[in-house]
Amino acid sequence: MEKVRELPLVSFSYGGQPVDNRLAPADFIQFWLRKGAHVLLYGALGMAMAAALGGTGSGGRRRWMLQFRQ
């Protein structure tokens, strides 16, 4: 926790609550771990959806759009 306090001051408000690396280093670390997990999870879900739709090219998107129009 001391290493987090030694970092340059990072302070911002999130959900009306302050997030500060010097006042509450455990909360600061938890915030970034949760946000990192969200990025990884939604990235994996997005890639899975792209694979399920047949790729990330426009052909896959067209095929997906046509399925919903029928």
N, C-alpha and C. Protein backbone atom coordinates (compact mmCIF):
# COMPACT_ATOMS: atom_id res chain seq x y z
N MET A 1 0.81 -1.20 0.00
CA MET A 1 0.00 0.00 0.00
C MET A 1 0.86 1.27 0.00
N GLU A 2 2.03 1.18 0.60
CA GLU A 2 2.90 2.36 0.66
C GLU A 2 3.37 2.79 -0.72
N LYS A 3 3.57 1.81 -1.61
CA LYS A 3 4.00 2.14 -2.98
C LYS A 3 2.93 2.96 -3.70
N VAL A 4 1.67 2.67 -3.44
CA VAL A 4 0.58 3.43 -4.06
C VAL A 4 0.58 4.85 -3.53
N ARG A 5 0.84 5.03 -2.28
CA ARG A 5 0.89 6.38 -1.69
C ARG A 5 2.07 7.18 -2.23
N GLU A 6 3.13 6.50 -2.66
CA GLU A 6 4.31 7.19 -3.18
C GLU A 6 4.12 7.68 -4.62
N LEU A 7 3.10 7.19 -5.30
CA LEU A 7 2.82 7.64 -6.66
C LEU A 7 2.41 9.12 -6.64
N PRO A 8 2.54 9.79 -7.78
CA PRO A 8 2.03 11.17 -7.84
C PRO A 8 0.53 11.18 -7.50
N LEU A 9 0.08 12.25 -6.93
CA LEU A 9 -1.31 12.34 -6.50
C LEU A 9 -2.26 12.13 -7.67
N VAL A 10 -3.17 11.19 -7.48
CA VAL A 10 -4.25 10.93 -8.43
C VAL A 10 -5.52 10.98 -7.62
N SER A 11 -6.39 11.92 -7.95
CA SER A 11 -7.62 12.08 -7.21
C SER A 11 -8.73 12.49 -8.16
N PHE A 12 -9.87 11.81 -8.07
CA PHE A 12 -11.03 12.16 -8.89
C PHE A 12 -12.28 11.68 -8.17
N SER A 13 -13.41 12.13 -8.65
CA SER A 13 -14.69 11.76 -8.07
C SER A 13 -15.35 10.71 -8.96
N TYR A 14 -15.84 9.67 -8.34
CA TYR A 14 -16.53 8.61 -9.07
C TYR A 14 -17.78 8.24 -8.27
N GLY A 15 -18.93 8.44 -8.86
CA GLY A 15 -20.18 8.15 -8.17
C GLY A 15 -20.39 9.02 -6.95
N GLY A 16 -19.86 10.23 -6.99
CA GLY A 16 -20.00 11.14 -5.87
C GLY A 16 -19.02 10.88 -4.73
N GLN A 17 -18.19 9.86 -4.88
CA GLN A 17 -17.22 9.52 -3.84
C GLN A 17 -15.81 9.82 -4.35
N PRO A 18 -14.95 10.35 -3.52
CA PRO A 18 -13.58 10.62 -3.96
C PRO A 18 -12.77 9.32 -4.07
N VAL A 19 -11.98 9.23 -5.11
CA VAL A 19 -11.02 8.14 -5.28
C VAL A 19 -9.66 8.80 -5.25
N ASP A 20 -8.86 8.46 -4.25
CA ASP A 20 -7.58 9.13 -4.03
C ASP A 20 -6.53 8.10 -3.66
N ASN A 21 -5.40 8.12 -4.36
CA ASN A 21 -4.38 7.11 -4.09
C ASN A 21 -3.65 7.34 -2.77
N ARG A 22 -3.72 8.51 -2.22
CA ARG A 22 -3.00 8.76 -0.96
C ARG A 22 -3.88 8.59 0.28
N LEU A 23 -5.15 8.94 0.18
CA LEU A 23 -6.04 8.81 1.33
C LEU A 23 -6.56 7.39 1.52
N ALA A 24 -6.86 6.71 0.41
CA ALA A 24 -7.42 5.35 0.49
C ALA A 24 -6.79 4.48 -0.60
N PRO A 25 -5.55 4.03 -0.40
CA PRO A 25 -4.87 3.27 -1.45
C PRO A 25 -5.56 1.95 -1.78
N ALA A 26 -6.18 1.28 -0.81
CA ALA A 26 -6.87 0.02 -1.09
C ALA A 26 -8.07 0.26 -2.01
N ASP A 27 -8.83 1.32 -1.75
CA ASP A 27 -9.97 1.65 -2.62
C ASP A 27 -9.49 2.03 -4.02
N PHE A 28 -8.37 2.72 -4.10
CA PHE A 28 -7.81 3.12 -5.38
C PHE A 28 -7.43 1.89 -6.20
N ILE A 29 -6.77 0.94 -5.58
CA ILE A 29 -6.38 -0.29 -6.28
C ILE A 29 -7.61 -1.08 -6.69
N GLN A 30 -8.58 -1.19 -5.80
CA GLN A 30 -9.80 -1.93 -6.11
C GLN A 30 -10.54 -1.30 -7.29
N PHE A 31 -10.59 0.03 -7.34
CA PHE A 31 -11.25 0.73 -8.44
C PHE A 31 -10.63 0.32 -9.77
N TRP A 32 -9.31 0.36 -9.86
CA TRP A 32 -8.63 0.05 -11.13
C TRP A 32 -8.70 -1.44 -11.46
N LEU A 33 -8.71 -2.30 -10.48
CA LEU A 33 -8.89 -3.73 -10.75
C LEU A 33 -10.28 -4.02 -11.32
N ARG A 34 -11.30 -3.39 -10.73
CA ARG A 34 -12.66 -3.59 -11.25
C ARG A 34 -12.79 -3.06 -12.67
N LYS A 35 -12.24 -1.87 -12.93
CA LYS A 35 -12.33 -1.30 -14.28
C LYS A 35 -11.56 -2.15 -15.28
N GLY A 36 -10.39 -2.65 -14.89
CA GLY A 36 -9.62 -3.52 -15.77
C GLY A 36 -10.36 -4.82 -16.08
N ALA A 37 -11.02 -5.38 -15.07
CA ALA A 37 -11.80 -6.60 -15.28
C ALA A 37 -12.96 -6.35 -16.25
N HIS A 38 -13.61 -5.19 -16.13
CA HIS A 38 -14.69 -4.87 -17.06
C HIS A 38 -14.17 -4.77 -18.48
N VAL A 39 -13.05 -4.11 -18.68
CA VAL A 39 -12.48 -3.97 -20.02
C VAL A 39 -12.17 -5.34 -20.61
N LEU A 40 -11.53 -6.20 -19.82
CA LEU A 40 -11.19 -7.54 -20.31
C LEU A 40 -12.44 -8.36 -20.62
N LEU A 41 -13.41 -8.33 -19.73
CA LEU A 41 -14.62 -9.13 -19.92
C LEU A 41 -15.41 -8.66 -21.14
N TYR A 42 -15.65 -7.36 -21.26
CA TYR A 42 -16.42 -6.88 -22.40
C TYR A 42 -15.63 -7.01 -23.70
N GLY A 43 -14.31 -6.93 -23.64
CA GLY A 43 -13.50 -7.19 -24.83
C GLY A 43 -13.65 -8.63 -25.29
N ALA A 44 -13.60 -9.57 -24.34
CA ALA A 44 -13.76 -10.98 -24.68
C ALA A 44 -15.16 -11.26 -25.22
N LEU A 45 -16.17 -10.65 -24.61
CA LEU A 45 -17.53 -10.82 -25.11
C LEU A 45 -17.70 -10.24 -26.50
N GLY A 46 -17.09 -9.10 -26.75
CA GLY A 46 -17.15 -8.49 -28.08
C GLY A 46 -16.48 -9.36 -29.13
N MET A 47 -15.32 -9.92 -28.79
CA MET A 47 -14.63 -10.79 -29.74
C MET A 47 -15.43 -12.08 -29.98
N ALA A 48 -16.06 -12.60 -28.93
CA ALA A 48 -16.89 -13.79 -29.09
C ALA A 48 -18.09 -13.49 -29.99
N MET A 49 -18.68 -12.33 -29.81
CA MET A 49 -19.82 -11.95 -30.65
C MET A 49 -19.38 -11.77 -32.10
N ALA A 50 -18.23 -11.14 -32.32
CA ALA A 50 -17.72 -10.98 -33.68
C ALA A 50 -17.45 -12.33 -34.32
N ALA A 51 -16.89 -13.28 -33.56
CA ALA A 51 -16.63 -14.61 -34.10
C ALA A 51 -17.95 -15.33 -34.41
N ALA A 52 -18.94 -15.17 -33.54
CA ALA A 52 -20.23 -15.82 -33.76
C ALA A 52 -20.94 -15.25 -34.98
N LEU A 53 -20.69 -14.00 -35.29
CA LEU A 53 -21.33 -13.36 -36.44
C LEU A 53 -20.55 -13.58 -37.73
N GLY A 54 -19.46 -14.30 -37.65
CA GLY A 54 -18.72 -14.62 -38.86
C GLY A 54 -17.58 -13.68 -39.14
N GLY A 55 -17.02 -13.04 -38.16
CA GLY A 55 -15.88 -12.15 -38.37
C GLY A 55 -16.23 -10.72 -38.08
N THR A 56 -15.22 -9.87 -38.23
CA THR A 56 -15.42 -8.46 -37.92
C THR A 56 -15.59 -7.62 -39.18
N GLY A 57 -15.53 -8.24 -40.35
CA GLY A 57 -15.68 -7.49 -41.60
C GLY A 57 -17.12 -7.06 -41.83
N SER A 58 -17.33 -6.26 -42.85
CA SER A 58 -18.68 -5.77 -43.13
C SER A 58 -19.61 -6.88 -43.58
N GLY A 59 -19.06 -7.96 -44.16
CA GLY A 59 -19.91 -9.08 -44.57
C GLY A 59 -20.61 -9.71 -43.38
N GLY A 60 -19.89 -9.86 -42.28
CA GLY A 60 -20.49 -10.42 -41.07
C GLY A 60 -21.57 -9.53 -40.52
N ARG A 61 -21.34 -8.22 -40.56
CA ARG A 61 -22.35 -7.28 -40.07
C ARG A 61 -23.58 -7.31 -40.96
N ARG A 62 -23.38 -7.37 -42.27
CA ARG A 62 -24.51 -7.40 -43.18
C ARG A 62 -25.36 -8.64 -42.94
N ARG A 63 -24.69 -9.77 -42.78
CA ARG A 63 -25.39 -11.02 -42.56
C ARG A 63 -26.20 -10.94 -41.25
N TRP A 64 -25.63 -10.35 -40.21
CA TRP A 64 -26.30 -10.20 -38.93
C TRP A 64 -27.52 -9.29 -39.06
N MET A 65 -27.36 -8.17 -39.80
CA MET A 65 -28.47 -7.23 -39.98
C MET A 65 -29.61 -7.89 -40.77
N LEU A 66 -29.25 -8.69 -41.76
CA LEU A 66 -30.30 -9.33 -42.56
C LEU A 66 -31.09 -10.33 -41.73
N GLN A 67 -30.48 -10.99 -40.78
CA GLN A 67 -31.20 -11.95 -39.96
C GLN A 67 -32.30 -11.26 -39.15
N PHE A 68 -32.07 -10.04 -38.72
CA PHE A 68 -33.06 -9.35 -37.92
C PHE A 68 -34.15 -8.69 -38.78
N ARG A 69 -33.87 -8.48 -40.05
CA ARG A 69 -34.89 -7.85 -40.92
C ARG A 69 -35.92 -8.85 -41.42
N GLN A 70 -35.57 -10.11 -41.44
CA GLN A 70 -36.50 -11.11 -41.99
C GLN A 70 -37.62 -11.42 -41.05
